[in-house]
Amino acid sequence: MLSIKNLKNEIKEKQLIEIINESLREYKKIHKVLIVHPDYTRFDFTNKLAPLILKTLRERNLKELHFLCANGTHRKMTELEFHYKLGIHEEKGLIFFYNHEFDCPERLAEIGEIPSNFVSEKTNGFLTNGIPITINKLVLDENDLIIVISSTTPHEASGYSGGLKTFSPGISGPEVIDLFHWAATLIGIPEIIGNVNNPAREIINLGSSFLFNRDAPMLSFNMVADESDMKPIPKGLFVGAGYDGFIEAYEEASMLSSKLHVKYIEKPINTAVQEIPRYYDEIWTAAKGSYKLQKPGVISKNGEIIIFAPHVKCFHSNPTMNKYIMDIGYHCKEYVHNFLESNPNFCRNVAAHVINFRGTGHFNKIIGSEEFAFKLTLATGIPKDICRAVGLNYKDPNSINREDYCDSDRIWIQDGGKYLFDLKKKMKAD
C-alpha cells in the first residue's frame, strides 16, 4: 500500500502527483479504464485527483476513460456537477460520464450472494435471509484497469465511508441497498458509526469480494480531507491494490479520519442546531445532522436536534422514495418492525432511513404511542403540516437566530452533518 498523510498541513499537488505516478507505474499500456467516484454529497478532493490521474493515464496510451458515479439511491448528478466534482469535461470518444441507476435492471448483473447464516450472525439473528449481490455492469466490462476514488469520514451505516462501500452498496441494485441499510439499522448506529471494523462493514466486504475474481486489476484511492473550511483540504491519500489493499487503505484512512472528523465535548448537549450545507439538498442526506449526534450521551435526555436547512424542500428527490417516506413517517425501530409485519414488501432502505434519522425510541404497541431519546425538529423549506404528518417537529427557519444557540447547553454546528460528536470522558475511558 502507498500512502501520504499530513495532519498539520495541506498535501501539495506535487505530492499527489508522486503517489499517483507510483501507484500506476506497473500499468504500462492501458487502453480502457473505469473510474468509480463519489457523488455530489461527498466533500472531498476528487476534483484534484481525477485530472492528475487522467494526465498519467494519457501517457499510457489511454483510449477510453469511463467515470461512474457511485450515487447509490441519491439523485443523479447533472453534467455541470460532474465537471465540478471531477475537474474534467467529457470528451467525445475518450471521456464518458455515467450515473449509477440502482433501479434500472438492464444495467445490473448478479455476481454472487452473501449466505443467510452470515447475515444472521452479523445482525444477531434479526435478519435471516441471504443478500444476492447485484452490481453495475460497467464494472464487469472488459476494462484494463478499475480505479475507485472514495472519501473517508465517519458513517452511520458502515463505520467509516470509503473503500469497498463504493461497490456495495454504492453501485449495487435495490435489493443490496435495501438489505444492507436494513442490516445496518438492525445492528444500530451507536454500534457502527465511528468504529472502523464492525458487522456492517463485514457484510460490505463480503458482498464486494465477488468482484475480485476477474481479470481487471483494481486500485483504491482513499481520500481524507479537512472539512473545516469552505473547500476540502487534502490531508491523506491511501492507495491499495486488490481486495486486501482496499481493506488496508480503508483502515488507514479511517484512522486518520478519526483524528479529523470526531469532535469531543465535555458534557451532553441540550439543544443542537445542525446548519446543513447546500449540497445536502434533501432530508435523505441532510439526515446526517441527526446521525452524527447519536453517540450515547451526546444529546441530553429529552434534548433536541434542529435540522436547519431552509434550502431543503423534500424528504427525497426521487418521487417514489419521497412517497414511501410520507407513507410510513419517522419512527423508532419497534414501531417500524410492527409496520413491516403488515407491510412485508415495504422498502427496507426507507425503513432504515426513518429509524436512523428519528433515533432511539420505544413503541408501546398496546396504546400506539412512542417515546424518543430526543426531540427532532425540521427548520427547512418543508411546510409545518407535512412535518407533523410524518411525526417530526417544525420550526420556522426565519425564527432561528444563531446567537440564541451559543451557550453552555446549546450549540450551533455550522458544518452540519460533517462531524461525529462524542463525549470526552468516554474517549479517556477508551
Protein backbone atom coordinates (compact mmCIF):
# COMPACT_ATOMS: atom_id res chain seq x y z
CA MET A 1 0.00 0.00 0.00
CA LEU A 2 1.12 3.55 -0.75
CA SER A 3 0.15 6.44 1.47
CA ILE A 4 0.73 10.05 2.30
CA LYS A 5 -0.74 11.96 5.24
CA ASN A 6 -0.24 15.27 6.97
CA LEU A 7 -2.40 16.31 9.90
CA LYS A 8 -0.86 19.75 10.25
CA ASN A 9 -0.52 20.92 6.66
CA GLU A 10 -2.17 20.51 3.28
CA ILE A 11 -0.87 17.80 0.97
CA LYS A 12 0.50 19.59 -2.07
CA GLU A 13 -0.21 18.77 -5.72
CA LYS A 14 3.38 17.66 -6.25
CA GLN A 15 2.95 15.01 -3.55
CA LEU A 16 -0.32 13.82 -5.09
CA ILE A 17 1.38 13.51 -8.48
CA GLU A 18 4.18 11.43 -6.96
CA ILE A 19 1.84 8.92 -5.30
CA ILE A 20 -0.37 8.67 -8.42
CA ASN A 21 2.64 8.03 -10.66
CA GLU A 22 3.99 5.42 -8.27
CA SER A 23 0.62 3.63 -7.94
CA LEU A 24 0.20 3.46 -11.72
CA ARG A 25 3.83 2.68 -12.55
CA GLU A 26 3.32 -1.00 -13.38
CA TYR A 27 0.38 -0.34 -15.70
CA LYS A 28 2.26 0.44 -18.91
CA LYS A 29 -0.39 0.10 -21.62
CA ILE A 30 -3.98 0.55 -20.53
CA HIS A 31 -6.47 1.39 -23.24
CA LYS A 32 -9.76 1.28 -21.33
CA VAL A 33 -10.14 2.42 -17.72
CA LEU A 34 -13.16 2.73 -15.44
CA ILE A 35 -13.06 5.18 -12.53
CA VAL A 36 -15.80 4.84 -9.89
CA HIS A 37 -16.10 8.01 -7.85
CA PRO A 38 -18.15 9.75 -5.08
CA ASP A 39 -21.21 11.85 -5.84
CA TYR A 40 -22.09 15.47 -5.09
CA THR A 41 -22.79 14.77 -1.40
CA ARG A 42 -19.15 13.92 -0.60
CA PHE A 43 -16.94 16.83 0.42
CA ASP A 44 -13.52 15.77 -0.87
CA PHE A 45 -10.77 16.50 -3.40
CA THR A 46 -11.80 14.23 -6.27
CA ASN A 47 -11.52 17.32 -8.49
CA LYS A 48 -7.79 17.43 -7.71
CA LEU A 49 -7.13 13.70 -8.11
CA ALA A 50 -9.10 12.93 -11.26
CA PRO A 51 -7.25 15.36 -13.60
CA LEU A 52 -3.88 14.14 -12.29
CA ILE A 53 -4.89 10.51 -12.83
CA LEU A 54 -6.13 11.38 -16.32
CA LYS A 55 -2.79 13.01 -17.17
CA THR A 56 -0.89 9.91 -16.09
CA LEU A 57 -3.25 7.59 -17.98
CA ARG A 58 -2.86 9.64 -21.19
CA GLU A 59 0.86 8.85 -21.03
CA ARG A 60 -0.02 5.13 -21.04
CA ASN A 61 -1.88 5.02 -24.35
CA LEU A 62 -5.35 5.63 -22.91
CA LYS A 63 -8.17 5.21 -25.45
CA GLU A 64 -11.30 5.31 -23.25
CA LEU A 65 -11.91 6.63 -19.74
CA HIS A 66 -15.32 5.96 -18.19
CA PHE A 67 -16.43 7.72 -14.99
CA LEU A 68 -19.18 6.02 -12.97
CA CYS A 69 -20.76 7.97 -10.12
CA ALA A 70 -21.41 5.77 -7.08
CA ASN A 71 -24.57 7.60 -6.10
CA GLY A 72 -26.47 4.65 -4.61
CA THR A 73 -30.05 5.90 -4.24
CA HIS A 74 -29.07 9.57 -4.27
CA ARG A 75 -30.31 11.66 -7.17
CA LYS A 76 -28.40 11.71 -10.46
CA MET A 77 -25.65 14.24 -10.94
CA THR A 78 -26.03 16.83 -13.67
CA GLU A 79 -23.38 17.38 -16.33
CA LEU A 80 -22.30 20.57 -14.58
CA GLU A 81 -21.97 18.66 -11.28
CA PHE A 82 -19.80 16.04 -12.99
CA HIS A 83 -17.50 18.80 -14.24
CA TYR A 84 -17.34 20.37 -10.77
CA LYS A 85 -16.82 17.06 -8.99
CA LEU A 86 -14.15 15.69 -11.33
CA GLY A 87 -12.43 18.82 -12.59
CA ILE A 88 -12.80 17.25 -16.04
CA HIS A 89 -15.09 17.74 -19.04
CA GLU A 90 -16.47 14.99 -21.25
CA GLU A 91 -14.51 14.41 -24.46
CA LYS A 92 -16.27 12.70 -27.34
CA GLY A 93 -14.85 9.25 -27.90
CA LEU A 94 -12.47 9.45 -24.93
CA ILE A 95 -14.11 10.53 -21.66
CA PHE A 96 -17.60 9.38 -20.66
CA PHE A 97 -19.77 10.18 -17.61
CA TYR A 98 -22.38 7.83 -16.11
CA ASN A 99 -24.72 7.98 -13.14
CA HIS A 100 -25.36 4.68 -11.42
CA GLU A 101 -29.03 3.77 -11.83
CA PHE A 102 -29.87 1.45 -8.95
CA ASP A 103 -33.45 0.90 -10.15
CA CYS A 104 -32.61 0.03 -13.78
CA PRO A 105 -32.39 -3.81 -14.02
CA GLU A 106 -30.84 -3.71 -17.51
CA ARG A 107 -27.76 -2.00 -16.06
CA LEU A 108 -27.22 -4.57 -13.31
CA ALA A 109 -25.81 -8.09 -13.09
CA GLU A 110 -25.76 -10.59 -10.21
CA ILE A 111 -22.28 -11.73 -9.18
CA GLY A 112 -22.89 -13.77 -6.01
CA GLU A 113 -24.81 -13.99 -2.76
CA ILE A 114 -23.99 -13.34 0.89
CA PRO A 115 -25.14 -16.50 2.74
CA SER A 116 -28.09 -16.22 5.09
CA ASN A 117 -26.14 -17.66 8.03
CA PHE A 118 -23.50 -14.92 7.67
CA VAL A 119 -26.17 -12.19 7.58
CA SER A 120 -27.92 -13.74 10.59
CA GLU A 121 -24.68 -13.86 12.56
CA LYS A 122 -23.82 -10.21 11.85
CA THR A 123 -27.32 -8.94 12.70
CA ASN A 124 -27.68 -11.09 15.84
CA GLY A 125 -30.42 -13.14 14.20
CA PHE A 126 -32.66 -10.17 13.29
CA LEU A 127 -32.19 -10.75 9.55
CA THR A 128 -32.13 -14.34 8.32
CA ASN A 129 -32.22 -14.13 4.52
CA GLY A 130 -29.24 -14.05 2.18
CA ILE A 131 -28.36 -10.98 0.12
CA PRO A 132 -27.95 -11.51 -3.65
CA ILE A 133 -25.23 -9.13 -4.85
CA THR A 134 -26.05 -7.16 -7.98
CA ILE A 135 -23.64 -4.63 -9.43
CA ASN A 136 -23.46 -2.06 -12.21
CA LYS A 137 -22.45 -3.85 -15.43
CA LEU A 138 -19.82 -1.24 -16.27
CA VAL A 139 -17.58 -2.87 -13.65
CA LEU A 140 -17.89 -6.17 -15.48
CA ASP A 141 -16.90 -4.81 -18.91
CA GLU A 142 -13.50 -5.59 -20.41
CA ASN A 143 -11.60 -2.89 -18.56
CA ASP A 144 -7.81 -2.84 -18.41
CA LEU A 145 -7.94 -1.15 -15.00
CA ILE A 146 -10.60 -0.13 -12.48
CA ILE A 147 -9.87 2.74 -10.10
CA VAL A 148 -12.10 3.54 -7.14
CA ILE A 149 -11.83 7.06 -5.73
CA SER A 150 -13.57 7.40 -2.37
CA SER A 151 -13.59 9.72 0.63
CA THR A 152 -13.46 8.61 4.24
CA THR A 153 -15.41 10.13 7.14
CA PRO A 154 -17.47 8.61 9.98
CA HIS A 155 -20.55 6.92 8.50
CA GLU A 156 -23.76 5.74 10.17
CA ALA A 157 -24.15 2.52 8.15
CA SER A 158 -20.55 1.39 7.65
CA GLY A 159 -18.43 2.83 10.46
CA TYR A 160 -16.47 4.99 8.06
CA SER A 161 -17.19 5.70 4.40
CA GLY A 162 -14.96 4.78 1.50
CA GLY A 163 -13.23 1.76 0.04
CA LEU A 164 -15.36 -1.27 -0.72
CA LYS A 165 -18.53 0.58 0.27
CA THR A 166 -18.22 2.25 -3.14
CA PHE A 167 -19.12 -1.10 -4.72
CA SER A 168 -21.61 -2.35 -2.19
CA PRO A 169 -23.97 -0.56 -1.85
CA GLY A 170 -22.62 2.40 -3.92
CA ILE A 171 -23.16 0.86 -7.36
CA SER A 172 -25.44 -2.03 -6.38
CA GLY A 173 -29.04 -2.91 -7.12
CA PRO A 174 -32.06 -2.10 -4.94
CA GLU A 175 -32.08 -5.45 -3.09
CA VAL A 176 -28.48 -4.98 -1.97
CA ILE A 177 -29.00 -1.36 -0.98
CA ASP A 178 -32.24 -2.10 0.88
CA LEU A 179 -30.99 -5.12 2.77
CA PHE A 180 -27.60 -3.62 3.56
CA HIS A 181 -29.10 -0.49 5.11
CA TRP A 182 -31.70 -2.56 6.90
CA ALA A 183 -28.99 -4.85 8.30
CA ALA A 184 -27.01 -1.82 9.48
CA THR A 185 -30.12 -0.41 11.17
CA LEU A 186 -30.73 -3.68 12.96
CA ILE A 187 -27.20 -3.53 14.29
CA GLY A 188 -27.70 0.14 15.27
CA ILE A 189 -25.98 3.47 14.58
CA PRO A 190 -24.26 3.71 18.01
CA GLU A 191 -22.64 0.31 17.37
CA ILE A 192 -21.43 1.24 13.89
CA ILE A 193 -20.67 4.93 13.40
CA GLY A 194 -17.05 5.82 14.12
CA ASN A 195 -15.99 2.16 14.50
CA VAL A 196 -13.51 1.10 11.81
CA ASN A 197 -14.41 -2.58 11.93
CA ASN A 198 -17.99 -3.61 12.63
CA PRO A 199 -20.58 -6.17 11.47
CA ALA A 200 -21.99 -3.88 8.76
CA ARG A 201 -18.52 -3.37 7.28
CA GLU A 202 -18.02 -7.15 7.25
CA ILE A 203 -21.19 -7.50 5.18
CA ILE A 204 -19.85 -4.85 2.77
CA ASN A 205 -16.51 -6.62 2.49
CA LEU A 206 -18.02 -10.00 1.69
CA GLY A 207 -20.51 -8.52 -0.77
CA SER A 208 -17.71 -6.75 -2.63
CA SER A 209 -15.32 -9.70 -2.61
CA PHE A 210 -17.11 -11.35 -5.55
CA LEU A 211 -15.68 -8.66 -7.85
CA PHE A 212 -12.07 -9.61 -7.25
CA ASN A 213 -12.02 -12.90 -9.16
CA ARG A 214 -11.90 -11.09 -12.50
CA ASP A 215 -9.07 -10.12 -14.83
CA ALA A 216 -9.11 -6.34 -14.45
CA PRO A 217 -6.79 -5.10 -11.68
CA MET A 218 -8.45 -2.75 -9.17
CA LEU A 219 -6.97 0.14 -7.22
CA SER A 220 -8.47 2.02 -4.29
CA PHE A 221 -7.68 5.72 -3.80
CA ASN A 222 -8.97 6.59 -0.31
CA MET A 223 -9.03 10.34 0.39
CA VAL A 224 -9.17 12.08 3.75
CA ALA A 225 -9.83 15.83 3.79
CA ASP A 226 -10.09 18.53 6.43
CA GLU A 227 -13.68 19.75 6.19
CA SER A 228 -13.44 22.78 8.44
CA ASP A 229 -13.08 25.33 5.61
CA MET A 230 -15.32 26.11 2.66
CA LYS A 231 -13.13 23.92 0.47
CA PRO A 232 -11.72 20.46 1.26
CA ILE A 233 -8.05 20.46 2.28
CA PRO A 234 -6.20 17.22 1.33
CA LYS A 235 -4.83 15.57 4.46
CA GLY A 236 -4.38 11.96 3.41
CA LEU A 237 -4.34 9.66 0.40
CA PHE A 238 -4.11 5.89 0.76
CA VAL A 239 -3.73 3.65 -2.30
CA GLY A 240 -4.26 -0.11 -2.16
CA ALA A 241 -4.41 -2.81 -4.84
CA GLY A 242 -6.72 -5.82 -4.85
CA TYR A 243 -9.13 -6.93 -2.14
CA ASP A 244 -6.63 -6.81 0.73
CA GLY A 245 -5.30 -3.47 -0.49
CA PHE A 246 -8.80 -1.97 -0.49
CA ILE A 247 -9.29 -3.00 3.14
CA GLU A 248 -5.87 -1.81 4.27
CA ALA A 249 -6.32 1.58 2.56
CA TYR A 250 -9.78 1.95 4.17
CA GLU A 251 -8.48 1.12 7.64
CA GLU A 252 -5.57 3.56 7.40
CA ALA A 253 -7.81 6.30 6.02
CA SER A 254 -10.33 5.69 8.81
CA MET A 255 -7.68 6.06 11.48
CA LEU A 256 -6.68 9.44 10.06
CA SER A 257 -10.34 10.45 9.70
CA SER A 258 -10.92 9.66 13.37
CA LYS A 259 -8.41 12.39 14.24
CA LEU A 260 -10.01 14.96 11.94
CA HIS A 261 -13.74 14.28 11.91
CA VAL A 262 -14.63 13.43 15.51
CA LYS A 263 -15.34 16.31 17.91
CA TYR A 264 -15.28 15.63 21.64
CA ILE A 265 -17.48 17.55 24.07
CA GLU A 266 -17.31 17.94 27.86
CA LYS A 267 -20.97 17.24 28.67
CA PRO A 268 -24.30 16.36 26.97
CA ILE A 269 -25.90 18.99 24.74
CA ASN A 270 -29.45 20.11 25.47
CA THR A 271 -30.14 21.69 22.06
CA ALA A 272 -28.05 21.30 18.90
CA VAL A 273 -28.71 23.18 15.67
CA GLN A 274 -27.14 21.48 12.67
CA GLU A 275 -26.74 24.05 9.88
CA ILE A 276 -26.84 21.80 6.82
CA PRO A 277 -24.64 22.62 3.78
CA ARG A 278 -26.43 23.25 0.49
CA TYR A 279 -25.06 20.12 -1.18
CA TYR A 280 -27.20 18.09 1.22
CA ASP A 281 -30.36 19.09 -0.63
CA GLU A 282 -32.90 16.58 0.72
CA ILE A 283 -33.62 15.10 4.14
CA TRP A 284 -32.25 11.78 2.87
CA THR A 285 -28.74 13.26 3.01
CA ALA A 286 -29.33 16.10 5.49
CA ALA A 287 -30.22 13.33 7.96
CA LYS A 288 -26.52 13.15 8.79
CA GLY A 289 -27.31 16.08 11.07
CA SER A 290 -29.12 13.59 13.30
CA TYR A 291 -26.93 10.52 12.79
CA LYS A 292 -23.74 12.18 13.94
CA LEU A 293 -25.18 13.29 17.27
CA GLN A 294 -26.42 9.85 18.28
CA LYS A 295 -23.43 8.52 20.16
CA PRO A 296 -24.70 7.65 23.68
CA GLY A 297 -24.77 10.67 25.99
CA VAL A 298 -24.09 13.36 23.37
CA ILE A 299 -27.66 14.70 23.42
CA SER A 300 -29.14 15.01 26.90
CA LYS A 301 -32.31 13.12 27.77
CA ASN A 302 -35.27 14.85 26.07
CA GLY A 303 -32.84 17.22 24.35
CA GLU A 304 -33.43 18.50 20.84
CA ILE A 305 -31.74 18.28 17.45
CA ILE A 306 -32.79 21.01 15.00
CA ILE A 307 -32.04 20.47 11.31
CA PHE A 308 -31.58 23.99 9.97
CA ALA A 309 -31.74 23.82 6.17
CA PRO A 310 -34.06 26.38 4.53
CA HIS A 311 -32.94 25.12 1.11
CA VAL A 312 -34.29 21.58 1.71
CA LYS A 313 -37.82 21.16 0.40
CA CYS A 314 -38.34 17.39 0.23
CA PHE A 315 -37.50 14.18 2.04
CA HIS A 316 -36.16 12.54 -1.12
CA SER A 317 -35.78 13.97 -4.63
CA ASN A 318 -36.99 10.67 -6.11
CA PRO A 319 -40.82 10.93 -6.06
CA THR A 320 -41.25 7.22 -5.31
CA MET A 321 -38.83 7.28 -2.39
CA ASN A 322 -40.39 10.51 -1.13
CA LYS A 323 -43.83 8.87 -1.19
CA TYR A 324 -42.52 5.88 0.76
CA ILE A 325 -41.28 8.22 3.48
CA MET A 326 -44.58 10.08 3.56
CA ASP A 327 -46.43 6.74 3.80
CA ILE A 328 -44.54 5.49 6.86
CA GLY A 329 -43.31 8.67 8.60
CA TYR A 330 -40.37 8.85 11.02
CA HIS A 331 -40.49 6.34 13.87
CA CYS A 332 -38.42 4.21 16.19
CA LYS A 333 -37.25 0.68 15.38
CA GLU A 334 -40.05 -1.09 17.30
CA TYR A 335 -42.75 0.89 15.50
CA VAL A 336 -41.24 0.15 12.10
CA HIS A 337 -40.93 -3.57 12.90
CA ASN A 338 -44.62 -3.57 13.71
CA PHE A 339 -45.39 -1.68 10.48
CA LEU A 340 -43.41 -4.20 8.42
CA GLU A 341 -45.44 -7.09 9.80
CA SER A 342 -48.45 -5.65 7.98
CA ASN A 343 -46.41 -4.31 5.04
CA PRO A 344 -43.78 -7.01 4.36
CA ASN A 345 -42.87 -5.68 0.90
CA PHE A 346 -42.18 -2.14 2.07
CA CYS A 347 -38.78 -0.70 1.00
CA ARG A 348 -36.21 -1.68 3.64
CA ASN A 349 -33.92 1.17 2.64
CA VAL A 350 -36.62 3.70 3.53
CA ALA A 351 -37.46 1.76 6.69
CA ALA A 352 -33.81 2.04 7.72
CA HIS A 353 -33.68 5.75 6.94
CA VAL A 354 -36.73 6.71 9.01
CA ILE A 355 -35.44 4.77 12.02
CA ASN A 356 -31.91 6.12 11.78
CA PHE A 357 -32.99 9.74 11.38
CA ARG A 358 -35.54 9.61 14.20
CA GLY A 359 -33.17 7.86 16.60
CA THR A 360 -33.59 5.64 19.62
CA GLY A 361 -37.11 5.24 20.97
CA HIS A 362 -39.71 2.90 22.40
CA PHE A 363 -43.09 1.93 20.94
CA ASN A 364 -45.99 0.91 23.16
CA LYS A 365 -47.93 -1.38 20.88
CA ILE A 366 -50.94 -1.56 23.18
CA ILE A 367 -51.71 2.16 23.20
CA GLY A 368 -49.86 3.00 19.97
CA SER A 369 -47.56 5.67 21.44
CA GLU A 370 -43.84 6.33 21.07
CA GLU A 371 -41.23 7.82 23.35
CA PHE A 372 -37.90 9.03 21.99
CA ALA A 373 -34.48 9.77 23.42
CA PHE A 374 -34.51 13.24 21.86
CA LYS A 375 -36.77 15.69 20.02
CA LEU A 376 -36.20 16.09 16.29
CA THR A 377 -37.20 19.35 14.61
CA LEU A 378 -37.07 20.47 10.99
CA ALA A 379 -36.35 24.11 10.23
CA THR A 380 -36.39 23.64 6.48
CA GLY A 381 -38.44 24.50 3.41
CA ILE A 382 -40.82 21.63 4.20
CA PRO A 383 -44.15 23.03 5.46
CA LYS A 384 -45.35 22.58 9.03
CA ASP A 385 -48.30 20.33 8.16
CA ILE A 386 -46.08 17.90 6.26
CA CYS A 387 -43.52 17.79 9.09
CA ARG A 388 -46.30 17.00 11.55
CA ALA A 389 -47.75 14.36 9.20
CA VAL A 390 -44.50 12.36 9.28
CA GLY A 391 -44.04 12.70 13.04
CA LEU A 392 -41.44 15.49 13.16
CA ASN A 393 -41.48 18.83 14.94
CA TYR A 394 -41.47 22.05 12.90
CA LYS A 395 -39.76 25.39 13.43
CA ASP A 396 -39.90 28.35 11.08
CA PRO A 397 -36.31 28.77 9.80
CA ASN A 398 -36.80 32.54 9.74
CA SER A 399 -37.32 32.49 13.51
CA ILE A 400 -33.94 30.94 14.24
CA ASN A 401 -31.04 33.18 15.24
CA ARG A 402 -27.57 31.75 15.64
CA GLU A 403 -26.78 33.88 18.72
CA ASP A 404 -29.60 32.14 20.61
CA TYR A 405 -27.72 28.82 20.42
CA CYS A 406 -24.31 29.70 21.76
CA ASP A 407 -24.22 28.94 25.49
CA SER A 408 -23.27 26.06 27.76
CA ASP A 409 -26.39 23.99 26.98
CA ARG A 410 -26.96 24.89 23.35
CA ILE A 411 -24.70 24.61 20.33
CA TRP A 412 -24.77 25.83 16.74
CA ILE A 413 -22.93 23.49 14.35
CA GLN A 414 -22.09 25.32 11.15
CA ASP A 415 -20.89 22.34 9.12
CA GLY A 416 -23.94 20.26 9.94
CA GLY A 417 -23.58 16.54 9.32
CA LYS A 418 -19.84 16.60 8.72
CA TYR A 419 -18.56 15.79 12.19
CA LEU A 420 -19.23 12.93 14.58
CA PHE A 421 -19.70 14.09 18.19
CA ASP A 422 -18.73 12.05 21.24
CA LEU A 423 -18.20 12.63 24.95
CA LYS A 424 -14.66 13.48 26.02
CA LYS A 425 -14.82 11.40 29.21
CA LYS A 426 -15.77 8.38 27.11
CA MET A 427 -12.73 8.98 24.94
CA LYS A 428 -10.44 8.93 28.00
CA ALA A 429 -12.06 5.74 29.28
CA ASP A 430 -11.48 4.02 25.93
